[in-house]
């Protein structure tokens, strides 16, 4: 005998379940709380130095962005060059050119020898892969 089907969920209950699923997809949050890293990894092509790219949400603008992570294998080398790395990112944030992806924000994490940066999600030909705008919480 088949198990009875669960009763259909109604509006508010379904919304709460969707919200809790969304919250469980958040792996990390930026220090300022604006960007939330999600589980979904994205392919941004062959970007030199970038080891990991994830889909993230800009909670202020309500749009998807790309969360890039640069991992440094040698923490001592990272610490020794931290000032140069920071200067490089500061200069990249200032670049404003139509043929270069805009770097929104970055931060360095000396404890994990990582640099993280936020870029807009590039639109592709598939409508399902275009950046999505969502309502603000």
C-alpha atoms as a PDB file:
ATOM      1  CA  UNK A   1       0.000   0.000   0.000  1.00  0.00           C
ATOM      2  CA  UNK A   2       1.363   3.428  -0.990  1.00  0.00           C
ATOM      3  CA  UNK A   3       2.136   6.004   1.651  1.00  0.00           C
ATOM      4  CA  UNK A   4      -0.371   8.872   1.856  1.00  0.00           C
ATOM      5  CA  UNK A   5       0.627  12.025   0.001  1.00  0.00           C
ATOM      6  CA  UNK A   6       1.494  14.990   2.198  1.00  0.00           C
ATOM      7  CA  UNK A   7      -1.007  17.833   2.216  1.00  0.00           C
ATOM      8  CA  UNK A   8      -0.089  20.667  -0.185  1.00  0.00           C
ATOM      9  CA  UNK A   9       1.686  23.573   1.474  1.00  0.00           C
ATOM     10  CA  UNK A  10       0.063  26.927   1.428  1.00  0.00           C
ATOM     11  CA  UNK A  11       1.535  30.395   0.661  1.00  0.00           C
ATOM     12  CA  UNK A  12       3.380  31.546   3.776  1.00  0.00           C
ATOM     13  CA  UNK A  13       4.640  28.083   4.720  1.00  0.00           C
ATOM     14  CA  UNK A  14       6.024  27.555   1.199  1.00  0.00           C
ATOM     15  CA  UNK A  15       7.687  31.030   1.283  1.00  0.00           C
ATOM     16  CA  UNK A  16       9.380  30.226   4.595  1.00  0.00           C
ATOM     17  CA  UNK A  17      10.647  26.917   3.214  1.00  0.00           C
ATOM     18  CA  UNK A  18      12.014  28.661   0.087  1.00  0.00           C
ATOM     19  CA  UNK A  19      13.723  31.300   2.247  1.00  0.00           C
ATOM     20  CA  UNK A  20      15.333  28.657   4.480  1.00  0.00           C
ATOM     21  CA  UNK A  21      16.560  26.778   1.374  1.00  0.00           C
ATOM     22  CA  UNK A  22      18.057  30.050   0.059  1.00  0.00           C
ATOM     23  CA  UNK A  23      19.742  30.739   3.397  1.00  0.00           C
ATOM     24  CA  UNK A  24      21.250  27.257   3.473  1.00  0.00           C
ATOM     25  CA  UNK A  25      22.812  27.943   0.065  1.00  0.00           C
ATOM     26  CA  UNK A  26      24.830  30.831   1.538  1.00  0.00           C
ATOM     27  CA  UNK A  27      28.373  29.583   2.142  1.00  0.00           C
ATOM     28  CA  UNK A  28      30.028  32.820   3.162  1.00  0.00           C
ATOM     29  CA  UNK A  29      29.302  36.511   3.527  1.00  0.00           C
ATOM     30  CA  UNK A  30      31.550  39.474   2.778  1.00  0.00           C
ATOM     31  CA  UNK A  31      32.916  41.385   5.795  1.00  0.00           C
ATOM     32  CA  UNK A  32      30.542  44.293   5.030  1.00  0.00           C
ATOM     33  CA  UNK A  33      27.573  41.919   4.670  1.00  0.00           C
ATOM     34  CA  UNK A  34      26.687  43.136   1.167  1.00  0.00           C
ATOM     35  CA  UNK A  35      27.660  40.001  -0.817  1.00  0.00           C
ATOM     36  CA  UNK A  36      26.614  36.438  -0.082  1.00  0.00           C
ATOM     37  CA  UNK A  37      28.526  33.553  -1.658  1.00  0.00           C
ATOM     38  CA  UNK A  38      26.295  30.713  -2.902  1.00  0.00           C
ATOM     39  CA  UNK A  39      27.020  27.027  -3.535  1.00  0.00           C
ATOM     40  CA  UNK A  40      26.743  27.294  -7.321  1.00  0.00           C
ATOM     41  CA  UNK A  41      30.122  27.498  -9.023  1.00  0.00           C
ATOM     42  CA  UNK A  42      30.271  29.352 -12.328  1.00  0.00           C
ATOM     43  CA  UNK A  43      32.661  29.134 -15.236  1.00  0.00           C
ATOM     44  CA  UNK A  44      34.155  32.526 -16.002  1.00  0.00           C
ATOM     45  CA  UNK A  45      36.601  31.223 -18.560  1.00  0.00           C
ATOM     46  CA  UNK A  46      40.308  31.111 -17.961  1.00  0.00           C
ATOM     47  CA  UNK A  47      41.022  34.024 -15.636  1.00  0.00           C
ATOM     48  CA  UNK A  48      44.680  34.018 -14.592  1.00  0.00           C
ATOM     49  CA  UNK A  49      45.156  33.462 -10.880  1.00  0.00           C
ATOM     50  CA  UNK A  50      41.492  32.809 -10.077  1.00  0.00           C
ATOM     51  CA  UNK A  51      41.054  29.331  -8.645  1.00  0.00           C
ATOM     52  CA  UNK A  52      37.369  29.458  -7.660  1.00  0.00           C
ATOM     53  CA  UNK A  53      34.361  31.372  -8.959  1.00  0.00           C
ATOM     54  CA  UNK A  54      30.966  31.201  -7.310  1.00  0.00           C
ATOM     55  CA  UNK A  55      27.621  32.781  -7.879  1.00  0.00           C
ATOM     56  CA  UNK A  56      26.873  35.405  -5.245  1.00  0.00           C
ATOM     57  CA  UNK A  57      24.116  37.866  -4.439  1.00  0.00           C
ATOM     58  CA  UNK A  58      24.528  41.611  -4.045  1.00  0.00           C
ATOM     59  CA  UNK A  59      22.009  42.233  -1.270  1.00  0.00           C
ATOM     60  CA  UNK A  60      22.008  46.027  -1.830  1.00  0.00           C
ATOM     61  CA  UNK A  61      21.357  45.975  -5.582  1.00  0.00           C
ATOM     62  CA  UNK A  62      19.452  42.684  -5.673  1.00  0.00           C
ATOM     63  CA  UNK A  63      21.525  41.267  -8.553  1.00  0.00           C
ATOM     64  CA  UNK A  64      23.722  38.231  -8.981  1.00  0.00           C
ATOM     65  CA  UNK A  65      27.473  38.784  -9.100  1.00  0.00           C
ATOM     66  CA  UNK A  66      30.515  36.541  -9.347  1.00  0.00           C
ATOM     67  CA  UNK A  67      32.580  35.835  -6.228  1.00  0.00           C
ATOM     68  CA  UNK A  68      36.196  35.188  -7.282  1.00  0.00           C
ATOM     69  CA  UNK A  69      38.751  33.620  -4.982  1.00  0.00           C
ATOM     70  CA  UNK A  70      42.498  33.749  -5.429  1.00  0.00           C
ATOM     71  CA  UNK A  71      44.335  31.250  -3.242  1.00  0.00           C
ATOM     72  CA  UNK A  72      47.986  31.728  -2.311  1.00  0.00           C
ATOM     73  CA  UNK A  73      49.767  28.516  -1.374  1.00  0.00           C
ATOM     74  CA  UNK A  74      52.504  30.240   0.608  1.00  0.00           C
ATOM     75  CA  UNK A  75      51.162  32.333   3.517  1.00  0.00           C
ATOM     76  CA  UNK A  76      54.554  33.896   4.171  1.00  0.00           C
ATOM     77  CA  UNK A  77      54.811  35.062   0.561  1.00  0.00           C
ATOM     78  CA  UNK A  78      51.240  36.370   0.744  1.00  0.00           C
ATOM     79  CA  UNK A  79      52.070  38.325   3.906  1.00  0.00           C
ATOM     80  CA  UNK A  80      55.284  39.673   2.391  1.00  0.00           C
ATOM     81  CA  UNK A  81      53.442  40.896  -0.738  1.00  0.00           C
ATOM     82  CA  UNK A  82      50.136  41.839   0.867  1.00  0.00           C
ATOM     83  CA  UNK A  83      50.697  45.574   0.364  1.00  0.00           C
ATOM     84  CA  UNK A  84      51.490  45.084  -3.349  1.00  0.00           C
ATOM     85  CA  UNK A  85      48.441  42.829  -3.778  1.00  0.00           C
ATOM     86  CA  UNK A  86      46.233  45.433  -2.115  1.00  0.00           C
ATOM     87  CA  UNK A  87      47.620  48.199  -4.343  1.00  0.00           C
ATOM     88  CA  UNK A  88      46.947  46.081  -7.435  1.00  0.00           C
ATOM     89  CA  UNK A  89      43.315  45.510  -6.420  1.00  0.00           C
ATOM     90  CA  UNK A  90      42.844  49.195  -5.584  1.00  0.00           C
ATOM     91  CA  UNK A  91      44.001  50.071  -9.095  1.00  0.00           C
ATOM     92  CA  UNK A  92      41.724  47.419 -10.668  1.00  0.00           C
ATOM     93  CA  UNK A  93      38.694  48.844  -8.849  1.00  0.00           C
ATOM     94  CA  UNK A  94      39.393  52.204 -10.532  1.00  0.00           C
ATOM     95  CA  UNK A  95      39.483  50.754 -14.068  1.00  0.00           C
ATOM     96  CA  UNK A  96      36.379  51.794 -16.004  1.00  0.00           C
ATOM     97  CA  UNK A  97      36.427  50.524 -19.592  1.00  0.00           C
ATOM     98  CA  UNK A  98      33.666  48.903 -21.675  1.00  0.00           C
ATOM     99  CA  UNK A  99      35.918  45.967 -22.673  1.00  0.00           C
ATOM    100  CA  UNK A 100      37.117  45.163 -19.140  1.00  0.00           C
ATOM    101  CA  UNK A 101      34.970  43.519 -16.471  1.00  0.00           C
ATOM    102  CA  UNK A 102      34.357  45.960 -13.624  1.00  0.00           C
ATOM    103  CA  UNK A 103      35.748  44.934 -10.254  1.00  0.00           C
ATOM    104  CA  UNK A 104      33.233  46.098  -7.623  1.00  0.00           C
ATOM    105  CA  UNK A 105      34.992  45.289  -4.388  1.00  0.00           C
ATOM    106  CA  UNK A 106      37.775  43.160  -2.966  1.00  0.00           C
ATOM    107  CA  UNK A 107      39.143  42.128   0.397  1.00  0.00           C
ATOM    108  CA  UNK A 108      42.166  40.211   1.573  1.00  0.00           C
ATOM    109  CA  UNK A 109      42.095  37.439   4.142  1.00  0.00           C
ATOM    110  CA  UNK A 110      45.582  37.025   5.556  1.00  0.00           C
ATOM    111  CA  UNK A 111      44.522  34.195   7.870  1.00  0.00           C
ATOM    112  CA  UNK A 112      43.630  32.011   4.862  1.00  0.00           C
ATOM    113  CA  UNK A 113      46.053  33.613   2.389  1.00  0.00           C
ATOM    114  CA  UNK A 114      43.181  34.452   0.022  1.00  0.00           C
ATOM    115  CA  UNK A 115      41.972  37.426  -1.910  1.00  0.00           C
ATOM    116  CA  UNK A 116      38.298  37.709  -2.791  1.00  0.00           C
ATOM    117  CA  UNK A 117      36.746  39.994  -5.393  1.00  0.00           C
ATOM    118  CA  UNK A 118      33.265  40.791  -6.704  1.00  0.00           C
ATOM    119  CA  UNK A 119      32.505  41.265 -10.410  1.00  0.00           C
ATOM    120  CA  UNK A 120      29.233  41.587 -12.305  1.00  0.00           C
ATOM    121  CA  UNK A 121      27.922  38.347 -13.729  1.00  0.00           C
ATOM    122  CA  UNK A 122      28.529  38.372 -17.487  1.00  0.00           C
ATOM    123  CA  UNK A 123      25.419  37.945 -19.614  1.00  0.00           C
ATOM    124  CA  UNK A 124      25.414  34.980 -21.970  1.00  0.00           C
ATOM    125  CA  UNK A 125      23.242  34.128 -24.932  1.00  0.00           C
ATOM    126  CA  UNK A 126      21.034  31.869 -22.841  1.00  0.00           C
ATOM    127  CA  UNK A 127      18.277  33.741 -21.015  1.00  0.00           C
ATOM    128  CA  UNK A 128      18.609  31.328 -18.082  1.00  0.00           C
ATOM    129  CA  UNK A 129      22.231  32.369 -17.622  1.00  0.00           C
ATOM    130  CA  UNK A 130      21.651  36.140 -17.706  1.00  0.00           C
ATOM    131  CA  UNK A 131      22.082  38.068 -14.453  1.00  0.00           C
ATOM    132  CA  UNK A 132      18.886  37.974 -12.421  1.00  0.00           C
ATOM    133  CA  UNK A 133      17.459  40.833 -10.432  1.00  0.00           C
ATOM    134  CA  UNK A 134      15.620  39.883  -7.309  1.00  0.00           C
ATOM    135  CA  UNK A 135      13.586  41.793  -4.808  1.00  0.00           C
ATOM    136  CA  UNK A 136      15.415  43.109  -1.822  1.00  0.00           C
ATOM    137  CA  UNK A 137      14.687  41.384   1.473  1.00  0.00           C
END
